[in-house]
């Protein structure tokens, strides 16, 4: 466990759940935990947007660390960036010097009651008054700070002084009131340092990812030559090339830690192979590509770094069913899109490449989504329903489909699809998957056009597959042609 790459360990934690991973986390090194926190406690409000610090997630991490005892939790904290610890604790607790908030008697006999507390919980620890700003992880924080005060007083005082500095009230407006306050400046510095570390680790910034995904959707296939590499992609792989190890990237190097000292690790290769198989079976690590065209390409070309870049791009810059991709889903989706790109590769283009194949596949997916939105707008225009609310919903759906179809972003009309659920729930599930930022093929489509044409009784949002070949697109077109019968048949019933 201490030799695993942080990204692999993070996938294990995601698969098992953070709350159930205390034993795994206890075996990890502070360096691993620090790299994992760079990913896990920073969340985007919606997929593809810039990420912010998630104080509640940080509190959950403190609770999980304390499950192994104060000594184990402290060992981990001492190896983390103290500024991250201070910023995280300051989101959960305000800290004051006890003398500054306690009651006192003046020399002339006046009694001052001190600062009244409005916090739901408070505690006195090591000469400081700590007041809860959030109650979720309060007990774990009090236990942790008490242990630090007893066993590591120097570190405790450093953390408390940092939290005290971030516990001031709202600054009085003056000529400089547009400047960041201490808490905002602390978070800005943390975010900047984190972004620099993640760039060195090969992650893609959300703004860069959004730009690349949007560019991929707009690719034109009529040119004589493939498009040149995007400047952002070129800069990314230039940095990767400068950090590339001299020898090949083996299975051991992908699974274990720093490639500079991996050969010094006393780990049996058979154990590495066994662990890799377990993690692949559990969906933690991606398995070998199962898409025929992509697999054939990888047999003769080295494209693993390109696929990793594309997976990071989907995680950072795109959404799936209005949520972020999981790493396993991103790997699967990249394989499907590249396979679709090879299936639609223009005959006049030579020198096939996974990055360009991904762009071709994304442009094809965009065309599929636009086709579905355009056909659905025509279908609902001809539907007539005795229920006034449903008819109003159908009119609104047609309007937003037409509006967002013109600006090439039909997924923005997805919320208006709810009216279709009132007519036929399986059709709604299928359409919601197709008119999405990343279109997928829901199982309701196969059930509607298959030879058995079975009726779906329950809608499973996870019952979808990624579109990876033109045969699936033909099935989607057949489903759309049968859609008017499905909607009117449901209504008449």
Protein backbone atom coordinates (compact mmCIF):
# COMPACT_ATOMS: atom_id res chain seq x y z
CA UNK A 1 0.00 0.00 0.00
CA UNK A 2 2.70 2.61 0.77
CA UNK A 3 4.23 1.97 -2.68
CA UNK A 4 1.04 2.56 -4.73
CA UNK A 5 0.80 5.63 -6.87
CA UNK A 6 -1.44 8.26 -5.19
CA UNK A 7 -3.83 8.17 -8.16
CA UNK A 8 -4.29 4.40 -7.76
CA UNK A 9 -4.78 4.72 -4.01
CA UNK A 10 -7.31 7.48 -4.56
CA UNK A 11 -9.30 5.25 -6.90
CA UNK A 12 -9.35 2.55 -4.22
CA UNK A 13 -10.71 5.07 -1.71
CA UNK A 14 -13.32 6.27 -4.20
CA UNK A 15 -14.41 2.71 -4.94
CA UNK A 16 -14.67 1.67 -1.28
CA UNK A 17 -15.91 5.01 0.04
CA UNK A 18 -13.88 7.38 2.21
CA UNK A 19 -15.74 6.49 5.40
CA UNK A 20 -14.94 2.79 4.91
CA UNK A 21 -11.28 3.32 4.01
CA UNK A 22 -9.76 4.10 7.42
CA UNK A 23 -7.58 0.98 7.42
CA UNK A 24 -6.31 1.71 3.90
CA UNK A 25 -5.57 5.35 4.76
CA UNK A 26 -3.73 4.32 7.93
CA UNK A 27 -1.24 2.37 5.77
CA UNK A 28 -0.65 5.27 3.37
CA UNK A 29 2.26 7.67 3.68
CA UNK A 30 1.79 11.42 4.30
CA UNK A 31 3.17 12.07 0.80
CA UNK A 32 0.45 9.86 -0.70
CA UNK A 33 -2.26 11.52 1.40
CA UNK A 34 -1.04 14.98 0.41
CA UNK A 35 -1.33 14.14 -3.30
CA UNK A 36 -4.75 12.56 -2.77
CA UNK A 37 -6.06 15.62 -0.91
CA UNK A 38 -5.04 17.75 -3.89
CA UNK A 39 -7.77 15.90 -5.77
CA UNK A 40 -10.29 14.83 -3.17
CA UNK A 41 -10.99 17.99 -1.14
CA UNK A 42 -11.30 20.29 -4.14
CA UNK A 43 -14.64 20.11 -5.90
CA UNK A 44 -16.29 21.96 -8.78
CA UNK A 45 -19.84 23.27 -8.22
CA UNK A 46 -20.78 21.67 -11.54
CA UNK A 47 -18.62 19.43 -13.76
CA UNK A 48 -16.22 21.38 -15.93
CA UNK A 49 -16.12 24.48 -13.73
CA UNK A 50 -13.16 25.65 -11.66
CA UNK A 51 -12.70 23.77 -8.40
CA UNK A 52 -12.97 25.19 -4.88
CA UNK A 53 -11.99 23.90 -1.47
CA UNK A 54 -14.61 21.55 0.02
CA UNK A 55 -14.54 22.13 3.79
CA UNK A 56 -17.08 19.39 4.53
CA UNK A 57 -14.97 16.82 2.68
CA UNK A 58 -11.91 17.96 4.64
CA UNK A 59 -13.88 17.41 7.85
CA UNK A 60 -14.74 13.88 6.74
CA UNK A 61 -11.04 13.22 6.16
CA UNK A 62 -10.26 14.36 9.72
CA UNK A 63 -12.93 12.00 11.08
CA UNK A 64 -11.53 9.09 9.08
CA UNK A 65 -7.96 9.86 10.18
CA UNK A 66 -9.06 9.92 13.82
CA UNK A 67 -10.60 6.45 13.49
CA UNK A 68 -7.05 5.11 13.64
CA UNK A 69 -6.24 7.16 16.76
CA UNK A 70 -4.65 10.50 17.50
CA UNK A 71 -1.10 9.25 17.00
CA UNK A 72 -1.79 7.95 13.48
CA UNK A 73 -3.75 11.06 12.53
CA UNK A 74 -0.99 13.32 13.84
CA UNK A 75 1.66 11.41 11.90
CA UNK A 76 -0.26 12.13 8.72
CA UNK A 77 -0.94 15.79 9.56
CA UNK A 78 2.72 16.49 10.31
CA UNK A 79 3.56 15.40 6.76
CA UNK A 80 0.99 17.69 5.13
CA UNK A 81 1.30 21.32 4.14
CA UNK A 82 0.55 23.21 7.34
CA UNK A 83 -1.23 25.93 5.33
CA UNK A 84 -3.72 23.33 4.07
CA UNK A 85 -4.31 22.09 7.63
CA UNK A 86 -4.83 25.65 8.88
CA UNK A 87 -7.17 26.57 6.03
CA UNK A 88 -9.21 23.40 6.51
CA UNK A 89 -9.52 23.75 10.29
CA UNK A 90 -10.36 27.46 10.00
CA UNK A 91 -13.40 26.54 7.89
CA UNK A 92 -14.63 24.38 10.77
CA UNK A 93 -13.62 26.37 13.84
CA UNK A 94 -12.85 29.93 14.91
CA UNK A 95 -9.88 30.26 17.28
CA UNK A 96 -9.24 33.01 19.85
CA UNK A 97 -6.76 33.55 22.64
CA UNK A 98 -8.51 32.68 25.88
CA UNK A 99 -7.36 35.94 27.51
CA UNK A 100 -8.85 37.97 24.66
CA UNK A 101 -12.39 36.59 25.01
CA UNK A 102 -12.62 35.76 28.75
CA UNK A 103 -14.16 38.05 31.35
CA UNK A 104 -11.82 40.19 33.44
CA UNK A 105 -11.84 42.78 36.22
CA UNK A 106 -10.27 46.18 35.64
CA UNK A 107 -8.13 47.94 38.26
CA UNK A 108 -10.99 50.28 39.13
CA UNK A 109 -13.38 47.38 39.77
CA UNK A 110 -15.35 47.14 36.52
CA UNK A 111 -16.18 43.60 35.36
CA UNK A 112 -16.09 42.98 31.62
CA UNK A 113 -17.91 39.82 30.58
CA UNK A 114 -15.75 39.21 27.53
CA UNK A 115 -16.80 38.15 24.08
CA UNK A 116 -20.19 36.39 23.96
CA UNK A 117 -20.14 33.20 21.91
CA UNK A 118 -22.84 32.50 19.34
CA UNK A 119 -21.35 29.15 18.27
CA UNK A 120 -23.31 25.91 18.80
CA UNK A 121 -20.24 24.27 20.41
CA UNK A 122 -17.02 25.51 21.91
CA UNK A 123 -14.02 24.18 23.82
CA UNK A 124 -10.90 25.47 25.60
CA UNK A 125 -7.76 23.73 24.38
CA UNK A 126 -4.17 24.66 25.20
CA UNK A 127 -4.91 28.28 26.09
CA UNK A 128 -7.21 28.89 23.13
CA UNK A 129 -10.98 29.09 22.82
CA UNK A 130 -12.19 27.10 19.82
CA UNK A 131 -15.73 27.75 18.53
CA UNK A 132 -17.48 25.55 16.01
CA UNK A 133 -18.37 27.01 12.62
CA UNK A 134 -19.50 23.59 11.39
CA UNK A 135 -20.69 20.81 13.65
CA UNK A 136 -20.27 17.78 11.37
CA UNK A 137 -16.68 16.93 12.37
CA UNK A 138 -16.57 18.84 15.68
CA UNK A 139 -15.87 15.89 18.00
CA UNK A 140 -13.01 14.63 15.82
CA UNK A 141 -11.49 18.12 15.65
CA UNK A 142 -11.61 18.59 19.43
CA UNK A 143 -9.99 15.19 20.00
CA UNK A 144 -7.30 15.91 17.40
CA UNK A 145 -6.46 19.37 18.79
CA UNK A 146 -6.34 18.03 22.35
CA UNK A 147 -3.89 15.33 21.29
CA UNK A 148 -1.75 17.87 19.43
CA UNK A 149 -1.71 20.20 22.45
CA UNK A 150 -0.45 17.38 24.69
CA UNK A 151 1.96 15.61 22.34
CA UNK A 152 3.07 18.21 19.80
CA UNK A 153 2.68 21.64 21.44
CA UNK A 154 4.94 23.47 18.97
CA UNK A 155 2.96 22.26 15.94
CA UNK A 156 -0.30 22.84 17.84
CA UNK A 157 0.56 26.49 18.52
CA UNK A 158 1.58 27.02 14.90
CA UNK A 159 -1.76 25.67 13.70
CA UNK A 160 -3.75 27.63 16.30
CA UNK A 161 -1.99 30.88 15.48
CA UNK A 162 -2.79 30.35 11.80
CA UNK A 163 -6.45 29.64 12.58
CA UNK A 164 -6.59 32.65 14.90
CA UNK A 165 -5.38 34.87 12.07
CA UNK A 166 -8.21 33.55 9.87
CA UNK A 167 -10.89 34.00 12.58
CA UNK A 168 -11.21 37.78 12.35
CA UNK A 169 -14.59 39.29 11.59
CA UNK A 170 -15.59 41.18 8.46
CA UNK A 171 -13.09 43.88 7.65
CA UNK A 172 -14.38 47.45 7.76
CA UNK A 173 -14.70 48.90 4.28
CA UNK A 174 -12.01 51.38 3.36
CA UNK A 175 -10.01 52.46 0.33
CA UNK A 176 -8.57 48.92 0.05
CA UNK A 177 -11.78 46.98 0.68
CA UNK A 178 -11.57 45.29 -2.74
CA UNK A 179 -8.40 43.48 -1.71
CA UNK A 180 -8.63 39.86 -0.61
CA UNK A 181 -8.92 39.35 3.14
CA UNK A 182 -6.64 36.92 4.98
CA UNK A 183 -8.89 33.87 4.49
CA UNK A 184 -9.40 34.58 0.78
CA UNK A 185 -5.69 35.20 0.23
CA UNK A 186 -4.83 31.96 2.03
CA UNK A 187 -7.20 29.99 -0.19
CA UNK A 188 -5.90 31.71 -3.33
CA UNK A 189 -2.33 30.78 -2.44
CA UNK A 190 -3.34 27.18 -1.73
CA UNK A 191 -5.20 26.91 -5.03
CA UNK A 192 -2.24 28.33 -6.98
CA UNK A 193 0.25 25.94 -5.36
CA UNK A 194 -2.12 23.01 -5.95
CA UNK A 195 -2.56 23.89 -9.62
CA UNK A 196 1.22 23.94 -10.10
CA UNK A 197 1.59 20.50 -8.47
CA UNK A 198 -1.23 19.02 -10.52
CA UNK A 199 0.25 20.32 -13.76
CA UNK A 200 3.49 18.54 -12.90
CA UNK A 201 1.49 15.35 -12.23
CA UNK A 202 -0.17 15.49 -15.64
CA UNK A 203 -3.62 16.75 -14.68
CA UNK A 204 -5.52 19.06 -16.98
CA UNK A 205 -6.89 22.39 -15.74
CA UNK A 206 -10.70 22.67 -16.09
CA UNK A 207 -10.43 25.75 -18.30
CA UNK A 208 -8.03 23.96 -20.67
CA UNK A 209 -10.18 20.83 -20.65
CA UNK A 210 -13.34 22.76 -21.50
CA UNK A 211 -11.57 24.51 -24.36
CA UNK A 212 -10.28 21.24 -25.82
CA UNK A 213 -13.63 19.41 -25.54
CA UNK A 214 -15.44 22.31 -27.20
CA UNK A 215 -12.84 22.43 -29.97
CA UNK A 216 -13.21 18.67 -30.50
CA UNK A 217 -16.97 18.97 -30.99
CA UNK A 218 -16.46 21.58 -33.72
CA UNK A 219 -13.97 19.56 -35.77
CA UNK A 220 -14.62 19.60 -39.51
CA UNK A 221 -14.01 16.32 -41.34
CA UNK A 222 -13.98 17.73 -44.87
CA UNK A 223 -10.38 18.97 -44.84
CA UNK A 224 -7.58 17.35 -46.76
CA UNK A 225 -5.41 16.86 -43.67
CA UNK A 226 -6.08 16.20 -39.98
CA UNK A 227 -6.18 19.33 -37.81
CA UNK A 228 -2.89 20.47 -36.25
CA UNK A 229 -2.35 19.72 -32.60
CA UNK A 230 -4.05 22.27 -30.36
CA UNK A 231 -1.54 24.57 -28.58
CA UNK A 232 -2.82 23.45 -25.16
CA UNK A 233 -2.31 19.80 -26.10
CA UNK A 234 1.13 20.53 -27.53
CA UNK A 235 2.18 22.30 -24.33
CA UNK A 236 0.88 19.42 -22.20
CA UNK A 237 2.85 16.75 -24.06
CA UNK A 238 5.92 18.94 -24.19
CA UNK A 239 5.89 18.96 -20.38
CA UNK A 240 5.24 15.20 -20.33
CA UNK A 241 8.19 14.60 -22.64
CA UNK A 242 10.48 16.56 -20.32
CA UNK A 243 9.46 14.34 -17.39
CA UNK A 244 9.43 11.02 -19.28
CA UNK A 245 11.63 8.29 -17.73
CA UNK A 246 14.41 6.91 -19.89
CA UNK A 247 12.97 3.39 -20.01
CA UNK A 248 9.53 2.11 -20.91
CA UNK A 249 6.49 2.58 -18.68
CA UNK A 250 5.87 -0.93 -17.41
CA UNK A 251 2.90 -2.26 -15.49
CA UNK A 252 4.91 -1.90 -12.29
CA UNK A 253 5.63 1.74 -13.01
CA UNK A 254 1.96 2.50 -13.68
CA UNK A 255 0.88 0.83 -10.44
CA UNK A 256 3.65 1.71 -8.01
CA UNK A 257 5.23 4.97 -7.01
CA UNK A 258 8.07 7.18 -8.15
CA UNK A 259 9.77 5.73 -11.23
CA UNK A 260 13.17 6.93 -10.00
CA UNK A 261 13.33 4.40 -7.19
CA UNK A 262 10.88 1.73 -8.29
CA UNK A 263 13.65 -0.73 -9.14
CA UNK A 264 14.83 -0.52 -5.52
CA UNK A 265 11.49 -1.71 -4.16
CA UNK A 266 11.51 -5.23 -2.77
CA UNK A 267 8.15 -6.24 -4.26
CA UNK A 268 7.56 -9.62 -5.88
CA UNK A 269 6.43 -9.16 -9.54
CA UNK A 270 3.82 -11.88 -9.07
CA UNK A 271 2.28 -9.83 -6.25
CA UNK A 272 2.20 -6.77 -8.50
CA UNK A 273 0.44 -8.79 -11.20
CA UNK A 274 -2.07 -10.16 -8.68
CA UNK A 275 -2.84 -6.71 -7.26
CA UNK A 276 -3.22 -5.28 -10.76
CA UNK A 277 -5.72 -8.01 -11.67
CA UNK A 278 -7.73 -7.41 -8.48
CA UNK A 279 -7.87 -3.68 -9.09
CA UNK A 280 -8.91 -4.18 -12.72
CA UNK A 281 -11.64 -6.65 -11.72
CA UNK A 282 -12.92 -4.14 -9.17
CA UNK A 283 -13.03 -1.32 -11.71
CA UNK A 284 -10.29 0.64 -9.92
CA UNK A 285 -7.85 0.34 -12.81
CA UNK A 286 -8.96 0.37 -16.45
CA UNK A 287 -8.68 -2.98 -18.18
CA UNK A 288 -7.32 -3.54 -21.66
CA UNK A 289 -9.28 -1.66 -24.35
CA UNK A 290 -12.17 -3.79 -25.56
CA UNK A 291 -13.00 -1.64 -28.58
CA UNK A 292 -11.78 -3.40 -31.71
CA UNK A 293 -10.48 -0.45 -33.75
CA UNK A 294 -8.78 1.20 -30.79
CA UNK A 295 -7.28 -2.09 -29.64
CA UNK A 296 -5.88 -2.72 -33.13
CA UNK A 297 -4.29 0.72 -33.13
CA UNK A 298 -2.68 0.25 -29.71
CA UNK A 299 -1.18 -3.08 -30.79
CA UNK A 300 1.09 -1.22 -33.21
CA UNK A 301 1.31 2.26 -31.65
CA UNK A 302 2.11 3.70 -28.23
CA UNK A 303 -0.95 5.71 -27.24
CA UNK A 304 -1.32 5.22 -23.48
CA UNK A 305 -0.21 8.75 -22.60
CA UNK A 306 -2.67 10.22 -25.10
CA UNK A 307 -5.52 8.14 -23.66
CA UNK A 308 -4.58 9.23 -20.13
CA UNK A 309 -4.62 12.88 -21.22
CA UNK A 310 -8.05 12.45 -22.81
CA UNK A 311 -9.44 10.75 -19.70
CA UNK A 312 -8.17 13.61 -17.52
CA UNK A 313 -9.75 16.04 -19.96
CA UNK A 314 -13.18 14.41 -19.67
CA UNK A 315 -12.98 14.37 -15.87
CA UNK A 316 -12.01 18.04 -15.69
CA UNK A 317 -13.99 19.52 -18.56
CA UNK A 318 -17.13 17.51 -19.27
CA UNK A 319 -20.08 15.95 -17.46
CA UNK A 320 -21.91 12.64 -17.66
CA UNK A 321 -25.58 12.63 -16.68
CA UNK A 322 -25.08 16.05 -15.04
CA UNK A 323 -22.28 14.78 -12.80
CA UNK A 324 -18.54 14.34 -13.05
CA UNK A 325 -16.99 11.29 -14.70
CA UNK A 326 -15.44 8.70 -12.44
CA UNK A 327 -11.91 7.68 -13.50
CA UNK A 328 -13.18 4.27 -14.68
CA UNK A 329 -16.01 5.88 -16.67
CA UNK A 330 -13.61 8.40 -18.20
CA UNK A 331 -11.25 5.64 -19.36
CA UNK A 332 -14.15 3.67 -20.83
CA UNK A 333 -15.62 6.76 -22.49
CA UNK A 334 -12.29 7.74 -24.08
CA UNK A 335 -11.91 4.25 -25.51
CA UNK A 336 -15.42 4.41 -26.97
CA UNK A 337 -14.98 7.88 -28.47
CA UNK A 338 -11.61 7.03 -30.03
CA UNK A 339 -13.06 3.82 -31.47
CA UNK A 340 -15.95 5.84 -32.91
CA UNK A 341 -13.43 8.29 -34.33
CA UNK A 342 -11.49 5.51 -36.07
CA UNK A 343 -14.81 4.14 -37.38
CA UNK A 344 -15.50 7.54 -38.99
CA UNK A 345 -11.93 8.43 -39.94
CA UNK A 346 -11.96 10.47 -43.19
CA UNK A 347 -10.42 8.38 -46.00
CA UNK A 348 -8.25 11.30 -47.18
CA UNK A 349 -6.51 11.56 -43.80
CA UNK A 350 -3.41 9.55 -43.01
CA UNK A 351 -1.36 8.91 -39.86
CA UNK A 352 -4.07 7.94 -37.43
CA UNK A 353 -3.71 9.40 -33.96
CA UNK A 354 -5.78 8.89 -30.74
CA UNK A 355 -6.03 12.64 -30.05
CA UNK A 356 -7.47 13.33 -33.49
CA UNK A 357 -9.62 10.18 -33.33
CA UNK A 358 -11.11 11.53 -30.08
CA UNK A 359 -11.92 14.82 -31.82
CA UNK A 360 -13.55 12.96 -34.70
CA UNK A 361 -15.58 10.86 -32.27
CA UNK A 362 -16.70 13.90 -30.26
CA UNK A 363 -17.83 15.68 -33.44
CA UNK A 364 -19.84 12.60 -34.42
CA UNK A 365 -21.44 12.45 -30.97
CA UNK A 366 -22.33 16.12 -31.23
CA UNK A 367 -24.01 15.44 -34.59
CA UNK A 368 -25.96 12.55 -33.05
CA UNK A 369 -27.20 14.76 -30.23
CA UNK A 370 -28.16 17.54 -32.65
CA UNK A 371 -30.00 15.04 -34.87
CA UNK A 372 -32.00 13.71 -31.92
CA UNK A 373 -32.83 17.23 -30.71
CA UNK A 374 -33.96 18.34 -34.17
CA UNK A 375 -36.14 15.26 -34.76
CA UNK A 376 -37.63 15.48 -31.27
CA UNK A 377 -38.56 19.14 -31.83
CA UNK A 378 -40.48 18.11 -34.97
CA UNK A 379 -42.15 15.20 -33.20
CA UNK A 380 -43.42 17.21 -30.22
CA UNK A 381 -44.68 19.93 -32.59
CA UNK A 382 -47.18 17.39 -33.98
CA UNK A 383 -48.22 15.96 -30.60
CA UNK A 384 -51.59 16.97 -29.19
CA UNK A 385 -52.62 16.23 -25.64
CA UNK A 386 -55.82 16.93 -23.74
CA UNK A 387 -53.85 17.75 -20.59
CA UNK A 388 -53.14 21.49 -20.71
CA UNK A 389 -50.01 21.31 -18.53
CA UNK A 390 -48.49 18.57 -20.68
CA UNK A 391 -49.24 20.52 -23.84
CA UNK A 392 -47.57 23.62 -22.39
CA UNK A 393 -44.57 21.49 -21.43
CA UNK A 394 -44.34 20.11 -24.98
CA UNK A 395 -44.43 23.62 -26.43
CA UNK A 396 -41.67 24.73 -24.08
CA UNK A 397 -39.62 21.66 -24.95
CA UNK A 398 -39.87 22.42 -28.65
CA UNK A 399 -38.81 26.03 -28.06
CA UNK A 400 -35.71 25.21 -25.98
CA UNK A 401 -34.69 22.38 -28.31
CA UNK A 402 -34.81 24.74 -31.27
CA UNK A 403 -33.01 27.52 -29.40
CA UNK A 404 -30.16 25.42 -28.09
CA UNK A 405 -29.98 23.42 -31.31
CA UNK A 406 -29.08 26.63 -33.13
CA UNK A 407 -26.17 27.32 -30.75
CA UNK A 408 -24.98 23.68 -31.04
CA UNK A 409 -25.52 22.89 -27.35
CA UNK A 410 -28.71 20.78 -27.23
CA UNK A 411 -27.88 19.40 -23.78
CA UNK A 412 -28.91 22.77 -22.29
CA UNK A 413 -32.51 21.75 -23.08
CA UNK A 414 -32.25 18.59 -21.00
CA UNK A 415 -34.30 19.87 -18.05
CA UNK A 416 -37.26 20.51 -20.35
CA UNK A 417 -37.35 16.79 -21.24
CA UNK A 418 -39.24 15.98 -18.03
CA UNK A 419 -42.55 16.35 -19.85
CA UNK A 420 -41.63 13.29 -21.95
CA UNK A 421 -41.59 11.20 -18.78
CA UNK A 422 -45.33 11.84 -18.42
CA UNK A 423 -45.86 10.30 -21.86
CA UNK A 424 -43.39 7.42 -21.82
CA UNK A 425 -40.71 6.94 -19.15
CA UNK A 426 -38.40 4.63 -21.20
CA UNK A 427 -38.40 7.14 -24.07
CA UNK A 428 -37.52 9.90 -21.61
CA UNK A 429 -34.58 7.87 -20.26
CA UNK A 430 -33.30 7.22 -23.78
CA UNK A 431 -33.65 10.85 -24.86
CA UNK A 432 -32.03 12.16 -21.68
CA UNK A 433 -29.00 10.00 -22.45
CA UNK A 434 -28.76 11.16 -26.06
CA UNK A 435 -29.38 14.88 -25.48
CA UNK A 436 -26.57 15.28 -22.99
CA UNK A 437 -23.20 16.99 -22.85
CA UNK A 438 -21.71 13.53 -23.35
CA UNK A 439 -24.31 11.44 -25.23
CA UNK A 440 -24.77 7.79 -24.23
CA UNK A 441 -27.04 4.98 -25.37
CA UNK A 442 -29.51 3.94 -22.68
CA UNK A 443 -30.71 0.36 -22.48
CA UNK A 444 -34.25 1.52 -23.26
CA UNK A 445 -33.18 2.04 -26.89
CA UNK A 446 -32.17 -1.59 -27.41
CA UNK A 447 -35.36 -2.73 -25.70
CA UNK A 448 -37.48 -0.54 -27.99
CA UNK A 449 -35.94 -1.58 -31.32
CA UNK A 450 -34.77 -5.12 -30.52
CA UNK A 451 -36.36 -8.22 -31.94
CA UNK A 452 -38.20 -8.91 -28.67
CA UNK A 453 -39.17 -5.25 -28.13
CA UNK A 454 -39.61 -5.81 -24.43
CA UNK A 455 -41.30 -3.21 -22.23
CA UNK A 456 -39.08 -1.69 -19.53
CA UNK A 457 -40.81 -1.55 -16.17
CA UNK A 458 -38.10 0.22 -14.16
CA UNK A 459 -35.70 2.94 -15.26
CA UNK A 460 -32.09 2.40 -14.21
CA UNK A 461 -30.01 5.56 -14.84
CA UNK A 462 -26.84 3.44 -14.91
CA UNK A 463 -28.16 1.11 -17.64
CA UNK A 464 -26.31 2.78 -20.50
CA UNK A 465 -23.37 2.10 -22.78
CA UNK A 466 -20.97 4.46 -24.47
CA UNK A 467 -21.41 4.96 -28.21
CA UNK A 468 -18.39 3.42 -29.89
CA UNK A 469 -19.43 2.39 -33.40
CA UNK A 470 -21.69 3.37 -36.27
CA UNK A 471 -23.93 0.35 -35.71
CA UNK A 472 -25.14 1.92 -32.46
CA UNK A 473 -25.88 5.17 -34.27
CA UNK A 474 -28.03 3.26 -36.76
CA UNK A 475 -29.95 1.77 -33.82
CA UNK A 476 -30.45 5.25 -32.38
CA UNK A 477 -31.87 6.48 -35.68
CA UNK A 478 -34.28 3.54 -35.76
CA UNK A 479 -35.37 4.35 -32.22
CA UNK A 480 -36.07 7.98 -33.17
CA UNK A 481 -38.16 6.87 -36.16
CA UNK A 482 -40.33 4.79 -33.82
CA UNK A 483 -40.53 7.47 -31.15
CA UNK A 484 -43.85 9.06 -32.28
CA UNK A 485 -45.62 5.70 -31.91
CA UNK A 486 -44.13 5.21 -28.44
CA UNK A 487 -45.25 8.65 -27.25
CA UNK A 488 -48.76 8.59 -28.74
CA UNK A 489 -49.29 4.96 -27.73
CA UNK A 490 -48.46 5.77 -24.12
CA UNK A 491 -50.77 8.74 -24.17
CA UNK A 492 -53.72 6.87 -25.63
CA UNK A 493 -53.29 4.12 -23.04
